[in-house]
mmCIF file of all heavy atoms, coordinates in Angstrom:
data_MODEL
# 
_entry.id   MODEL 
# 
loop_
_atom_site.group_PDB 
_atom_site.id 
_atom_site.type_symbol 
_atom_site.label_atom_id 
_atom_site.label_alt_id 
_atom_site.label_comp_id 
_atom_site.label_asym_id 
_atom_site.label_entity_id 
_atom_site.label_seq_id 
_atom_site.pdbx_PDB_ins_code 
_atom_site.Cartn_x 
_atom_site.Cartn_y 
_atom_site.Cartn_z 
_atom_site.occupancy 
_atom_site.B_iso_or_equiv 
_atom_site.pdbx_formal_charge 
_atom_site.auth_seq_id 
_atom_site.auth_comp_id 
_atom_site.auth_asym_id 
_atom_site.auth_atom_id 
_atom_site.pdbx_PDB_model_num 
ATOM 1   N N   . ALA A 1 1  ? -33.960 145.534 109.411 1.00 0.00 ? 1  ALA A N   1 
ATOM 2   C CA  . ALA A 1 1  ? -33.894 144.126 109.814 1.00 0.00 ? 1  ALA A CA  1 
ATOM 3   C C   . ALA A 1 1  ? -33.427 143.985 111.253 1.00 0.00 ? 1  ALA A C   1 
ATOM 4   O O   . ALA A 1 1  ? -33.915 143.128 112.003 1.00 0.00 ? 1  ALA A O   1 
ATOM 5   C CB  . ALA A 1 1  ? -32.964 143.357 108.870 1.00 0.00 ? 1  ALA A CB  1 
ATOM 6   N N   . CYS A 1 2  ? -32.475 144.833 111.657 1.00 0.00 ? 2  CYS A N   1 
ATOM 7   C CA  . CYS A 1 2  ? -31.965 144.792 113.035 1.00 0.00 ? 2  CYS A CA  1 
ATOM 8   C C   . CYS A 1 2  ? -33.066 145.117 114.031 1.00 0.00 ? 2  CYS A C   1 
ATOM 9   O O   . CYS A 1 2  ? -33.238 144.418 115.036 1.00 0.00 ? 2  CYS A O   1 
ATOM 10  C CB  . CYS A 1 2  ? -30.801 145.769 113.170 1.00 0.00 ? 2  CYS A CB  1 
ATOM 11  S SG  . CYS A 1 2  ? -30.057 145.810 114.814 1.00 0.00 ? 2  CYS A SG  1 
ATOM 12  N N   . LEU A 1 3  ? -33.821 146.176 113.765 1.00 0.00 ? 3  LEU A N   1 
ATOM 13  C CA  . LEU A 1 3  ? -34.898 146.571 114.665 1.00 0.00 ? 3  LEU A CA  1 
ATOM 14  C C   . LEU A 1 3  ? -35.980 145.501 114.725 1.00 0.00 ? 3  LEU A C   1 
ATOM 15  O O   . LEU A 1 3  ? -36.482 145.174 115.805 1.00 0.00 ? 3  LEU A O   1 
ATOM 16  C CB  . LEU A 1 3  ? -35.493 147.896 114.216 1.00 0.00 ? 3  LEU A CB  1 
ATOM 17  C CG  . LEU A 1 3  ? -36.637 148.450 115.073 1.00 0.00 ? 3  LEU A CG  1 
ATOM 18  C CD1 . LEU A 1 3  ? -36.163 148.689 116.505 1.00 0.00 ? 3  LEU A CD1 1 
ATOM 19  C CD2 . LEU A 1 3  ? -37.177 149.746 114.467 1.00 0.00 ? 3  LEU A CD2 1 
ATOM 20  N N   . MET A 1 4  ? -36.327 144.909 113.587 1.00 0.00 ? 4  MET A N   1 
ATOM 21  C CA  . MET A 1 4  ? -37.356 143.872 113.562 1.00 0.00 ? 4  MET A CA  1 
ATOM 22  C C   . MET A 1 4  ? -36.885 142.618 114.298 1.00 0.00 ? 4  MET A C   1 
ATOM 23  O O   . MET A 1 4  ? -37.638 142.032 115.086 1.00 0.00 ? 4  MET A O   1 
ATOM 24  C CB  . MET A 1 4  ? -37.701 143.529 112.117 1.00 0.00 ? 4  MET A CB  1 
ATOM 25  C CG  . MET A 1 4  ? -38.791 142.470 111.979 1.00 0.00 ? 4  MET A CG  1 
ATOM 26  S SD  . MET A 1 4  ? -40.339 142.970 112.757 1.00 0.00 ? 4  MET A SD  1 
ATOM 27  C CE  . MET A 1 4  ? -40.820 144.327 111.685 1.00 0.00 ? 4  MET A CE  1 
ATOM 28  N N   . ALA A 1 5  ? -35.634 142.208 114.046 1.00 0.00 ? 5  ALA A N   1 
ATOM 29  C CA  . ALA A 1 5  ? -35.107 141.011 114.703 1.00 0.00 ? 5  ALA A CA  1 
ATOM 30  C C   . ALA A 1 5  ? -35.063 141.200 116.216 1.00 0.00 ? 5  ALA A C   1 
ATOM 31  O O   . ALA A 1 5  ? -35.421 140.295 116.980 1.00 0.00 ? 5  ALA A O   1 
ATOM 32  C CB  . ALA A 1 5  ? -33.711 140.684 114.168 1.00 0.00 ? 5  ALA A CB  1 
ATOM 33  N N   . TYR A 1 6  ? -34.632 142.382 116.658 1.00 0.00 ? 6  TYR A N   1 
ATOM 34  C CA  . TYR A 1 6  ? -34.572 142.613 118.101 1.00 0.00 ? 6  TYR A CA  1 
ATOM 35  C C   . TYR A 1 6  ? -35.968 142.654 118.706 1.00 0.00 ? 6  TYR A C   1 
ATOM 36  O O   . TYR A 1 6  ? -36.185 142.141 119.811 1.00 0.00 ? 6  TYR A O   1 
ATOM 37  C CB  . TYR A 1 6  ? -33.826 143.910 118.416 1.00 0.00 ? 6  TYR A CB  1 
ATOM 38  C CG  . TYR A 1 6  ? -33.674 144.108 119.909 1.00 0.00 ? 6  TYR A CG  1 
ATOM 39  C CD1 . TYR A 1 6  ? -32.690 143.438 120.614 1.00 0.00 ? 6  TYR A CD1 1 
ATOM 40  C CD2 . TYR A 1 6  ? -34.548 144.927 120.609 1.00 0.00 ? 6  TYR A CD2 1 
ATOM 41  C CE1 . TYR A 1 6  ? -32.564 143.578 121.981 1.00 0.00 ? 6  TYR A CE1 1 
ATOM 42  C CE2 . TYR A 1 6  ? -34.438 145.079 121.983 1.00 0.00 ? 6  TYR A CE2 1 
ATOM 43  C CZ  . TYR A 1 6  ? -33.448 144.400 122.663 1.00 0.00 ? 6  TYR A CZ  1 
ATOM 44  O OH  . TYR A 1 6  ? -33.340 144.531 124.024 1.00 0.00 ? 6  TYR A OH  1 
ATOM 45  N N   . SER A 1 7  ? -36.906 143.266 118.000 1.00 0.00 ? 7  SER A N   1 
ATOM 46  C CA  . SER A 1 7  ? -38.284 143.323 118.505 1.00 0.00 ? 7  SER A CA  1 
ATOM 47  C C   . SER A 1 7  ? -38.859 141.919 118.660 1.00 0.00 ? 7  SER A C   1 
ATOM 48  O O   . SER A 1 7  ? -39.501 141.599 119.669 1.00 0.00 ? 7  SER A O   1 
ATOM 49  C CB  . SER A 1 7  ? -39.157 144.161 117.564 1.00 0.00 ? 7  SER A CB  1 
ATOM 50  O OG  . SER A 1 7  ? -38.679 145.490 117.477 1.00 0.00 ? 7  SER A OG  1 
ATOM 51  N N   . LEU A 1 8  ? -38.622 141.060 117.672 1.00 0.00 ? 8  LEU A N   1 
ATOM 52  C CA  . LEU A 1 8  ? -39.085 139.674 117.765 1.00 0.00 ? 8  LEU A CA  1 
ATOM 53  C C   . LEU A 1 8  ? -38.401 138.953 118.925 1.00 0.00 ? 8  LEU A C   1 
ATOM 54  O O   . LEU A 1 8  ? -39.020 138.148 119.632 1.00 0.00 ? 8  LEU A O   1 
ATOM 55  C CB  . LEU A 1 8  ? -38.821 138.936 116.456 1.00 0.00 ? 8  LEU A CB  1 
ATOM 56  C CG  . LEU A 1 8  ? -39.682 139.357 115.262 1.00 0.00 ? 8  LEU A CG  1 
ATOM 57  C CD1 . LEU A 1 8  ? -39.174 138.695 113.982 1.00 0.00 ? 8  LEU A CD1 1 
ATOM 58  C CD2 . LEU A 1 8  ? -41.145 138.996 115.494 1.00 0.00 ? 8  LEU A CD2 1 
ATOM 59  N N   . TYR A 1 9  ? -37.112 139.263 119.126 1.00 0.00 ? 9  TYR A N   1 
ATOM 60  C CA  . TYR A 1 9  ? -36.368 138.650 120.228 1.00 0.00 ? 9  TYR A CA  1 
ATOM 61  C C   . TYR A 1 9  ? -36.997 138.967 121.582 1.00 0.00 ? 9  TYR A C   1 
ATOM 62  O O   . TYR A 1 9  ? -37.056 138.112 122.470 1.00 0.00 ? 9  TYR A O   1 
ATOM 63  C CB  . TYR A 1 9  ? -34.920 139.137 120.190 1.00 0.00 ? 9  TYR A CB  1 
ATOM 64  C CG  . TYR A 1 9  ? -34.175 138.933 121.482 1.00 0.00 ? 9  TYR A CG  1 
ATOM 65  C CD1 . TYR A 1 9  ? -33.682 137.678 121.827 1.00 0.00 ? 9  TYR A CD1 1 
ATOM 66  C CD2 . TYR A 1 9  ? -33.962 139.990 122.366 1.00 0.00 ? 9  TYR A CD2 1 
ATOM 67  C CE1 . TYR A 1 9  ? -33.005 137.487 123.016 1.00 0.00 ? 9  TYR A CE1 1 
ATOM 68  C CE2 . TYR A 1 9  ? -33.285 139.806 123.548 1.00 0.00 ? 9  TYR A CE2 1 
ATOM 69  C CZ  . TYR A 1 9  ? -32.812 138.560 123.874 1.00 0.00 ? 9  TYR A CZ  1 
ATOM 70  O OH  . TYR A 1 9  ? -32.158 138.372 125.055 1.00 0.00 ? 9  TYR A OH  1 
ATOM 71  N N   . THR A 1 10 ? -37.501 140.198 121.743 1.00 0.00 ? 10 THR A N   1 
ATOM 72  C CA  . THR A 1 10 ? -37.991 140.624 123.056 1.00 0.00 ? 10 THR A CA  1 
ATOM 73  C C   . THR A 1 10 ? -39.284 139.933 123.484 1.00 0.00 ? 10 THR A C   1 
ATOM 74  O O   . THR A 1 10 ? -39.625 139.975 124.671 1.00 0.00 ? 10 THR A O   1 
ATOM 75  C CB  . THR A 1 10 ? -38.212 142.146 123.092 1.00 0.00 ? 10 THR A CB  1 
ATOM 76  O OG1 . THR A 1 10 ? -39.207 142.503 122.123 1.00 0.00 ? 10 THR A OG1 1 
ATOM 77  C CG2 . THR A 1 10 ? -36.924 142.887 122.819 1.00 0.00 ? 10 THR A CG2 1 
ATOM 78  N N   . PHE A 1 11 ? -40.016 139.338 122.550 1.00 0.00 ? 11 PHE A N   1 
ATOM 79  C CA  . PHE A 1 11 ? -41.243 138.653 122.970 1.00 0.00 ? 11 PHE A CA  1 
ATOM 80  C C   . PHE A 1 11 ? -41.409 137.265 122.370 1.00 0.00 ? 11 PHE A C   1 
ATOM 81  O O   . PHE A 1 11 ? -42.422 136.610 122.607 1.00 0.00 ? 11 PHE A O   1 
ATOM 82  C CB  . PHE A 1 11 ? -42.483 139.500 122.643 1.00 0.00 ? 11 PHE A CB  1 
ATOM 83  C CG  . PHE A 1 11 ? -42.652 139.853 121.194 1.00 0.00 ? 11 PHE A CG  1 
ATOM 84  C CD1 . PHE A 1 11 ? -43.200 138.952 120.293 1.00 0.00 ? 11 PHE A CD1 1 
ATOM 85  C CD2 . PHE A 1 11 ? -42.276 141.104 120.745 1.00 0.00 ? 11 PHE A CD2 1 
ATOM 86  C CE1 . PHE A 1 11 ? -43.358 139.297 118.955 1.00 0.00 ? 11 PHE A CE1 1 
ATOM 87  C CE2 . PHE A 1 11 ? -42.436 141.453 119.414 1.00 0.00 ? 11 PHE A CE2 1 
ATOM 88  C CZ  . PHE A 1 11 ? -42.984 140.546 118.517 1.00 0.00 ? 11 PHE A CZ  1 
ATOM 89  N N   . ASN A 1 12 ? -40.402 136.783 121.622 1.00 0.00 ? 12 ASN A N   1 
ATOM 90  C CA  . ASN A 1 12 ? -40.575 135.477 120.988 1.00 0.00 ? 12 ASN A CA  1 
ATOM 91  C C   . ASN A 1 12 ? -39.352 134.580 121.152 1.00 0.00 ? 12 ASN A C   1 
ATOM 92  O O   . ASN A 1 12 ? -39.216 133.591 120.445 1.00 0.00 ? 12 ASN A O   1 
ATOM 93  C CB  . ASN A 1 12 ? -40.875 135.671 119.493 1.00 0.00 ? 12 ASN A CB  1 
ATOM 94  C CG  . ASN A 1 12 ? -41.490 134.436 118.872 1.00 0.00 ? 12 ASN A CG  1 
ATOM 95  O OD1 . ASN A 1 12 ? -42.281 133.742 119.497 1.00 0.00 ? 12 ASN A OD1 1 
ATOM 96  N ND2 . ASN A 1 12 ? -41.104 134.148 117.637 1.00 0.00 ? 12 ASN A ND2 1 
ATOM 97  N N   . SER A 1 13 ? -38.480 134.909 122.085 1.00 0.00 ? 13 SER A N   1 
ATOM 98  C CA  . SER A 1 13 ? -37.271 134.106 122.282 1.00 0.00 ? 13 SER A CA  1 
ATOM 99  C C   . SER A 1 13 ? -37.335 133.398 123.622 1.00 0.00 ? 13 SER A C   1 
ATOM 100 O O   . SER A 1 13 ? -38.100 133.782 124.507 1.00 0.00 ? 13 SER A O   1 
ATOM 101 C CB  . SER A 1 13 ? -36.031 135.015 122.246 1.00 0.00 ? 13 SER A CB  1 
ATOM 102 O OG  . SER A 1 13 ? -36.008 135.867 123.370 1.00 0.00 ? 13 SER A OG  1 
ATOM 103 N N   . PRO A 1 14 ? -36.527 132.342 123.816 1.00 0.00 ? 14 PRO A N   1 
ATOM 104 C CA  . PRO A 1 14 ? -36.488 131.664 125.117 1.00 0.00 ? 14 PRO A CA  1 
ATOM 105 C C   . PRO A 1 14 ? -36.112 132.600 126.254 1.00 0.00 ? 14 PRO A C   1 
ATOM 106 O O   . PRO A 1 14 ? -36.610 132.457 127.370 1.00 0.00 ? 14 PRO A O   1 
ATOM 107 C CB  . PRO A 1 14 ? -35.421 130.578 124.912 1.00 0.00 ? 14 PRO A CB  1 
ATOM 108 C CG  . PRO A 1 14 ? -35.417 130.319 123.438 1.00 0.00 ? 14 PRO A CG  1 
ATOM 109 C CD  . PRO A 1 14 ? -35.709 131.640 122.805 1.00 0.00 ? 14 PRO A CD  1 
ATOM 110 N N   . THR A 1 15 ? -35.241 133.567 125.994 1.00 0.00 ? 15 THR A N   1 
ATOM 111 C CA  . THR A 1 15 ? -34.871 134.520 127.046 1.00 0.00 ? 15 THR A CA  1 
ATOM 112 C C   . THR A 1 15 ? -36.052 135.365 127.461 1.00 0.00 ? 15 THR A C   1 
ATOM 113 O O   . THR A 1 15 ? -36.272 135.635 128.644 1.00 0.00 ? 15 THR A O   1 
ATOM 114 C CB  . THR A 1 15 ? -33.735 135.441 126.554 1.00 0.00 ? 15 THR A CB  1 
ATOM 115 O OG1 . THR A 1 15 ? -32.601 134.646 126.221 1.00 0.00 ? 15 THR A OG1 1 
ATOM 116 C CG2 . THR A 1 15 ? -33.343 136.428 127.627 1.00 0.00 ? 15 THR A CG2 1 
ATOM 117 N N   . ALA A 1 16 ? -36.838 135.811 126.472 1.00 0.00 ? 16 ALA A N   1 
ATOM 118 C CA  . ALA A 1 16 ? -38.004 136.633 126.779 1.00 0.00 ? 16 ALA A CA  1 
ATOM 119 C C   . ALA A 1 16 ? -39.015 135.844 127.607 1.00 0.00 ? 16 ALA A C   1 
ATOM 120 O O   . ALA A 1 16 ? -39.465 136.293 128.655 1.00 0.00 ? 16 ALA A O   1 
ATOM 121 C CB  . ALA A 1 16 ? -38.647 137.147 125.490 1.00 0.00 ? 16 ALA A CB  1 
ATOM 122 N N   . GLY A 1 17 ? -39.358 134.621 127.136 1.00 0.00 ? 17 GLY A N   1 
ATOM 123 C CA  . GLY A 1 17 ? -40.293 133.777 127.872 1.00 0.00 ? 17 GLY A CA  1 
ATOM 124 C C   . GLY A 1 17 ? -41.528 134.532 128.296 1.00 0.00 ? 17 GLY A C   1 
ATOM 125 O O   . GLY A 1 17 ? -42.251 135.095 127.484 1.00 0.00 ? 17 GLY A O   1 
ATOM 126 N N   . LYS A 1 18 ? -41.761 134.580 129.592 1.00 0.00 ? 18 LYS A N   1 
ATOM 127 C CA  . LYS A 1 18 ? -42.889 135.333 130.131 1.00 0.00 ? 18 LYS A CA  1 
ATOM 128 C C   . LYS A 1 18 ? -42.476 136.746 130.572 1.00 0.00 ? 18 LYS A C   1 
ATOM 129 O O   . LYS A 1 18 ? -43.257 137.453 131.193 1.00 0.00 ? 18 LYS A O   1 
ATOM 130 C CB  . LYS A 1 18 ? -43.496 134.586 131.319 1.00 0.00 ? 18 LYS A CB  1 
ATOM 131 C CG  . LYS A 1 18 ? -44.070 133.223 130.952 1.00 0.00 ? 18 LYS A CG  1 
ATOM 132 C CD  . LYS A 1 18 ? -44.659 132.535 132.172 1.00 0.00 ? 18 LYS A CD  1 
ATOM 133 C CE  . LYS A 1 18 ? -45.240 131.176 131.806 1.00 0.00 ? 18 LYS A CE  1 
ATOM 134 N NZ  . LYS A 1 18 ? -45.815 130.491 132.987 1.00 0.00 ? 18 LYS A NZ  1 
ATOM 135 N N   . ARG A 1 19 ? -41.252 137.121 130.236 1.00 0.00 ? 19 ARG A N   1 
ATOM 136 C CA  . ARG A 1 19 ? -40.751 138.432 130.657 1.00 0.00 ? 19 ARG A CA  1 
ATOM 137 C C   . ARG A 1 19 ? -41.119 139.485 129.607 1.00 0.00 ? 19 ARG A C   1 
ATOM 138 O O   . ARG A 1 19 ? -40.269 139.957 128.851 1.00 0.00 ? 19 ARG A O   1 
ATOM 139 C CB  . ARG A 1 19 ? -39.238 138.372 130.869 1.00 0.00 ? 19 ARG A CB  1 
ATOM 140 C CG  . ARG A 1 19 ? -38.835 137.338 131.905 1.00 0.00 ? 19 ARG A CG  1 
ATOM 141 C CD  . ARG A 1 19 ? -37.317 137.179 131.974 1.00 0.00 ? 19 ARG A CD  1 
ATOM 142 N NE  . ARG A 1 19 ? -36.968 136.158 132.915 1.00 0.00 ? 19 ARG A NE  1 
ATOM 143 C CZ  . ARG A 1 19 ? -36.887 134.862 132.604 1.00 0.00 ? 19 ARG A CZ  1 
ATOM 144 N NH1 . ARG A 1 19 ? -37.135 134.458 131.373 1.00 0.00 ? 19 ARG A NH1 1 
ATOM 145 N NH2 . ARG A 1 19 ? -36.560 133.973 133.518 1.00 0.00 ? 19 ARG A NH2 1 
ATOM 146 N N   . HIS A 1 20 ? -42.373 139.844 129.545 1.00 0.00 ? 20 HIS A N   1 
ATOM 147 C CA  . HIS A 1 20 ? -42.840 140.755 128.506 1.00 0.00 ? 20 HIS A CA  1 
ATOM 148 C C   . HIS A 1 20 ? -42.274 142.156 128.679 1.00 0.00 ? 20 HIS A C   1 
ATOM 149 O O   . HIS A 1 20 ? -42.299 142.948 127.727 1.00 0.00 ? 20 HIS A O   1 
ATOM 150 C CB  . HIS A 1 20 ? -44.368 140.805 128.509 1.00 0.00 ? 20 HIS A CB  1 
ATOM 151 C CG  . HIS A 1 20 ? -44.997 139.462 128.276 1.00 0.00 ? 20 HIS A CG  1 
ATOM 152 N ND1 . HIS A 1 20 ? -44.754 138.739 127.132 1.00 0.00 ? 20 HIS A ND1 1 
ATOM 153 C CD2 . HIS A 1 20 ? -45.837 138.705 129.036 1.00 0.00 ? 20 HIS A CD2 1 
ATOM 154 C CE1 . HIS A 1 20 ? -45.427 137.594 127.182 1.00 0.00 ? 20 HIS A CE1 1 
ATOM 155 N NE2 . HIS A 1 20 ? -46.083 137.546 128.335 1.00 0.00 ? 20 HIS A NE2 1 
ATOM 156 N N   . TYR A 1 21 ? -41.754 142.465 129.877 1.00 0.00 ? 21 TYR A N   1 
ATOM 157 C CA  . TYR A 1 21 ? -41.193 143.795 130.081 1.00 0.00 ? 21 TYR A CA  1 
ATOM 158 C C   . TYR A 1 21 ? -39.912 144.010 129.280 1.00 0.00 ? 21 TYR A C   1 
ATOM 159 O O   . TYR A 1 21 ? -39.439 145.134 129.178 1.00 0.00 ? 21 TYR A O   1 
ATOM 160 C CB  . TYR A 1 21 ? -40.927 144.042 131.567 1.00 0.00 ? 21 TYR A CB  1 
ATOM 161 C CG  . TYR A 1 21 ? -42.181 144.194 132.378 1.00 0.00 ? 21 TYR A CG  1 
ATOM 162 C CD1 . TYR A 1 21 ? -42.463 143.345 133.442 1.00 0.00 ? 21 TYR A CD1 1 
ATOM 163 C CD2 . TYR A 1 21 ? -43.106 145.201 132.081 1.00 0.00 ? 21 TYR A CD2 1 
ATOM 164 C CE1 . TYR A 1 21 ? -43.622 143.486 134.191 1.00 0.00 ? 21 TYR A CE1 1 
ATOM 165 C CE2 . TYR A 1 21 ? -44.269 145.350 132.819 1.00 0.00 ? 21 TYR A CE2 1 
ATOM 166 C CZ  . TYR A 1 21 ? -44.524 144.487 133.871 1.00 0.00 ? 21 TYR A CZ  1 
ATOM 167 O OH  . TYR A 1 21 ? -45.674 144.641 134.585 1.00 0.00 ? 21 TYR A OH  1 
ATOM 168 N N   . LEU A 1 22 ? -39.347 142.939 128.726 1.00 0.00 ? 22 LEU A N   1 
ATOM 169 C CA  . LEU A 1 22 ? -38.154 143.089 127.899 1.00 0.00 ? 22 LEU A CA  1 
ATOM 170 C C   . LEU A 1 22 ? -38.446 143.955 126.673 1.00 0.00 ? 22 LEU A C   1 
ATOM 171 O O   . LEU A 1 22 ? -37.537 144.570 126.112 1.00 0.00 ? 22 LEU A O   1 
ATOM 172 C CB  . LEU A 1 22 ? -37.628 141.712 127.472 1.00 0.00 ? 22 LEU A CB  1 
ATOM 173 C CG  . LEU A 1 22 ? -36.231 141.655 126.849 1.00 0.00 ? 22 LEU A CG  1 
ATOM 174 C CD1 . LEU A 1 22 ? -35.195 142.205 127.824 1.00 0.00 ? 22 LEU A CD1 1 
ATOM 175 C CD2 . LEU A 1 22 ? -35.879 140.237 126.447 1.00 0.00 ? 22 LEU A CD2 1 
ATOM 176 N N   . MET A 1 23 ? -39.718 144.023 126.286 1.00 0.00 ? 23 MET A N   1 
ATOM 177 C CA  . MET A 1 23 ? -40.092 144.881 125.153 1.00 0.00 ? 23 MET A CA  1 
ATOM 178 C C   . MET A 1 23 ? -39.858 146.360 125.476 1.00 0.00 ? 23 MET A C   1 
ATOM 179 O O   . MET A 1 23 ? -39.798 147.192 124.561 1.00 0.00 ? 23 MET A O   1 
ATOM 180 C CB  . MET A 1 23 ? -41.551 144.649 124.776 1.00 0.00 ? 23 MET A CB  1 
ATOM 181 C CG  . MET A 1 23 ? -41.798 143.312 124.083 1.00 0.00 ? 23 MET A CG  1 
ATOM 182 S SD  . MET A 1 23 ? -43.500 143.132 123.501 1.00 0.00 ? 23 MET A SD  1 
ATOM 183 C CE  . MET A 1 23 ? -44.342 142.862 125.075 1.00 0.00 ? 23 MET A CE  1 
ATOM 184 N N   . ALA A 1 24 ? -39.714 146.688 126.744 1.00 0.00 ? 24 ALA A N   1 
ATOM 185 C CA  . ALA A 1 24 ? -39.453 148.081 127.128 1.00 0.00 ? 24 ALA A CA  1 
ATOM 186 C C   . ALA A 1 24 ? -38.089 148.558 126.638 1.00 0.00 ? 24 ALA A C   1 
ATOM 187 O O   . ALA A 1 24 ? -37.815 149.767 126.631 1.00 0.00 ? 24 ALA A O   1 
ATOM 188 C CB  . ALA A 1 24 ? -39.535 148.232 128.646 1.00 0.00 ? 24 ALA A CB  1 
ATOM 189 N N   . THR A 1 25 ? -37.229 147.629 126.216 1.00 0.00 ? 25 THR A N   1 
ATOM 190 C CA  . THR A 1 25 ? -35.906 148.024 125.725 1.00 0.00 ? 25 THR A CA  1 
ATOM 191 C C   . THR A 1 25 ? -35.935 148.427 124.249 1.00 0.00 ? 25 THR A C   1 
ATOM 192 O O   . THR A 1 25 ? -34.955 148.985 123.744 1.00 0.00 ? 25 THR A O   1 
ATOM 193 C CB  . THR A 1 25 ? -34.889 146.877 125.902 1.00 0.00 ? 25 THR A CB  1 
ATOM 194 O OG1 . THR A 1 25 ? -35.335 145.730 125.147 1.00 0.00 ? 25 THR A OG1 1 
ATOM 195 C CG2 . THR A 1 25 ? -34.754 146.492 127.361 1.00 0.00 ? 25 THR A CG2 1 
ATOM 196 N N   . ILE A 1 26 ? -37.039 148.159 123.541 1.00 0.00 ? 26 ILE A N   1 
ATOM 197 C CA  . ILE A 1 26 ? -37.112 148.465 122.110 1.00 0.00 ? 26 ILE A CA  1 
ATOM 198 C C   . ILE A 1 26 ? -36.895 149.954 121.832 1.00 0.00 ? 26 ILE A C   1 
ATOM 199 O O   . ILE A 1 26 ? -36.148 150.313 120.909 1.00 0.00 ? 26 ILE A O   1 
ATOM 200 C CB  . ILE A 1 26 ? -38.445 147.981 121.509 1.00 0.00 ? 26 ILE A CB  1 
ATOM 201 C CG1 . ILE A 1 26 ? -38.518 146.442 121.565 1.00 0.00 ? 26 ILE A CG1 1 
ATOM 202 C CG2 . ILE A 1 26 ? -38.599 148.455 120.065 1.00 0.00 ? 26 ILE A CG2 1 
ATOM 203 C CD1 . ILE A 1 26 ? -39.837 145.874 121.077 1.00 0.00 ? 26 ILE A CD1 1 
ATOM 204 N N   . PRO A 1 27 ? -37.525 150.874 122.588 1.00 0.00 ? 27 PRO A N   1 
ATOM 205 C CA  . PRO A 1 27 ? -37.286 152.306 122.308 1.00 0.00 ? 27 PRO A CA  1 
ATOM 206 C C   . PRO A 1 27 ? -35.821 152.714 122.401 1.00 0.00 ? 27 PRO A C   1 
ATOM 207 O O   . PRO A 1 27 ? -35.363 153.591 121.652 1.00 0.00 ? 27 PRO A O   1 
ATOM 208 C CB  . PRO A 1 27 ? -38.126 153.021 123.375 1.00 0.00 ? 27 PRO A CB  1 
ATOM 209 C CG  . PRO A 1 27 ? -39.206 152.049 123.716 1.00 0.00 ? 27 PRO A CG  1 
ATOM 210 C CD  . PRO A 1 27 ? -38.555 150.700 123.624 1.00 0.00 ? 27 PRO A CD  1 
ATOM 211 N N   . PHE A 1 28 ? -35.053 152.078 123.304 1.00 0.00 ? 28 PHE A N   1 
ATOM 212 C CA  . PHE A 1 28 ? -33.636 152.405 123.419 1.00 0.00 ? 28 PHE A CA  1 
ATOM 213 C C   . PHE A 1 28 ? -32.877 151.977 122.166 1.00 0.00 ? 28 PHE A C   1 
ATOM 214 O O   . PHE A 1 28 ? -31.974 152.678 121.701 1.00 0.00 ? 28 PHE A O   1 
ATOM 215 C CB  . PHE A 1 28 ? -33.031 151.742 124.658 1.00 0.00 ? 28 PHE A CB  1 
ATOM 216 C CG  . PHE A 1 28 ? -33.615 152.227 125.956 1.00 0.00 ? 28 PHE A CG  1 
ATOM 217 C CD1 . PHE A 1 28 ? -34.477 151.423 126.687 1.00 0.00 ? 28 PHE A CD1 1 
ATOM 218 C CD2 . PHE A 1 28 ? -33.319 153.498 126.439 1.00 0.00 ? 28 PHE A CD2 1 
ATOM 219 C CE1 . PHE A 1 28 ? -35.020 151.865 127.877 1.00 0.00 ? 28 PHE A CE1 1 
ATOM 220 C CE2 . PHE A 1 28 ? -33.863 153.950 127.627 1.00 0.00 ? 28 PHE A CE2 1 
ATOM 221 C CZ  . PHE A 1 28 ? -34.722 153.130 128.351 1.00 0.00 ? 28 PHE A CZ  1 
ATOM 222 N N   . VAL A 1 29 ? -33.229 150.814 121.620 1.00 0.00 ? 29 VAL A N   1 
ATOM 223 C CA  . VAL A 1 29 ? -32.594 150.341 120.391 1.00 0.00 ? 29 VAL A CA  1 
ATOM 224 C C   . VAL A 1 29 ? -32.947 151.265 119.231 1.00 0.00 ? 29 VAL A C   1 
ATOM 225 O O   . VAL A 1 29 ? -32.083 151.638 118.428 1.00 0.00 ? 29 VAL A O   1 
ATOM 226 C CB  . VAL A 1 29 ? -33.025 148.893 120.084 1.00 0.00 ? 29 VAL A CB  1 
ATOM 227 C CG1 . VAL A 1 29 ? -32.465 148.434 118.735 1.00 0.00 ? 29 VAL A CG1 1 
ATOM 228 C CG2 . VAL A 1 29 ? -32.553 147.951 121.192 1.00 0.00 ? 29 VAL A CG2 1 
ATOM 229 N N   . LEU A 1 30 ? -34.215 151.651 119.150 1.00 0.00 ? 30 LEU A N   1 
ATOM 230 C CA  . LEU A 1 30 ? -34.653 152.545 118.083 1.00 0.00 ? 30 LEU A CA  1 
ATOM 231 C C   . LEU A 1 30 ? -33.931 153.893 118.173 1.00 0.00 ? 30 LEU A C   1 
ATOM 232 O O   . LEU A 1 30 ? -33.429 154.408 117.159 1.00 0.00 ? 30 LEU A O   1 
ATOM 233 C CB  . LEU A 1 30 ? -36.167 152.744 118.173 1.00 0.00 ? 30 LEU A CB  1 
ATOM 234 C CG  . LEU A 1 30 ? -36.819 153.590 117.076 1.00 0.00 ? 30 LEU A CG  1 
ATOM 235 C CD1 . LEU A 1 30 ? -36.592 152.958 115.717 1.00 0.00 ? 30 LEU A CD1 1 
ATOM 236 C CD2 . LEU A 1 30 ? -38.311 153.744 117.355 1.00 0.00 ? 30 LEU A CD2 1 
# 
């Protein structure tokens, strides 16, 4: 659930917005 919630955060939150490069942090969390 933590990994899924963070992944959704990186491309579906107000902070992410148009900053799609935030998804590059997912491998570090994993």
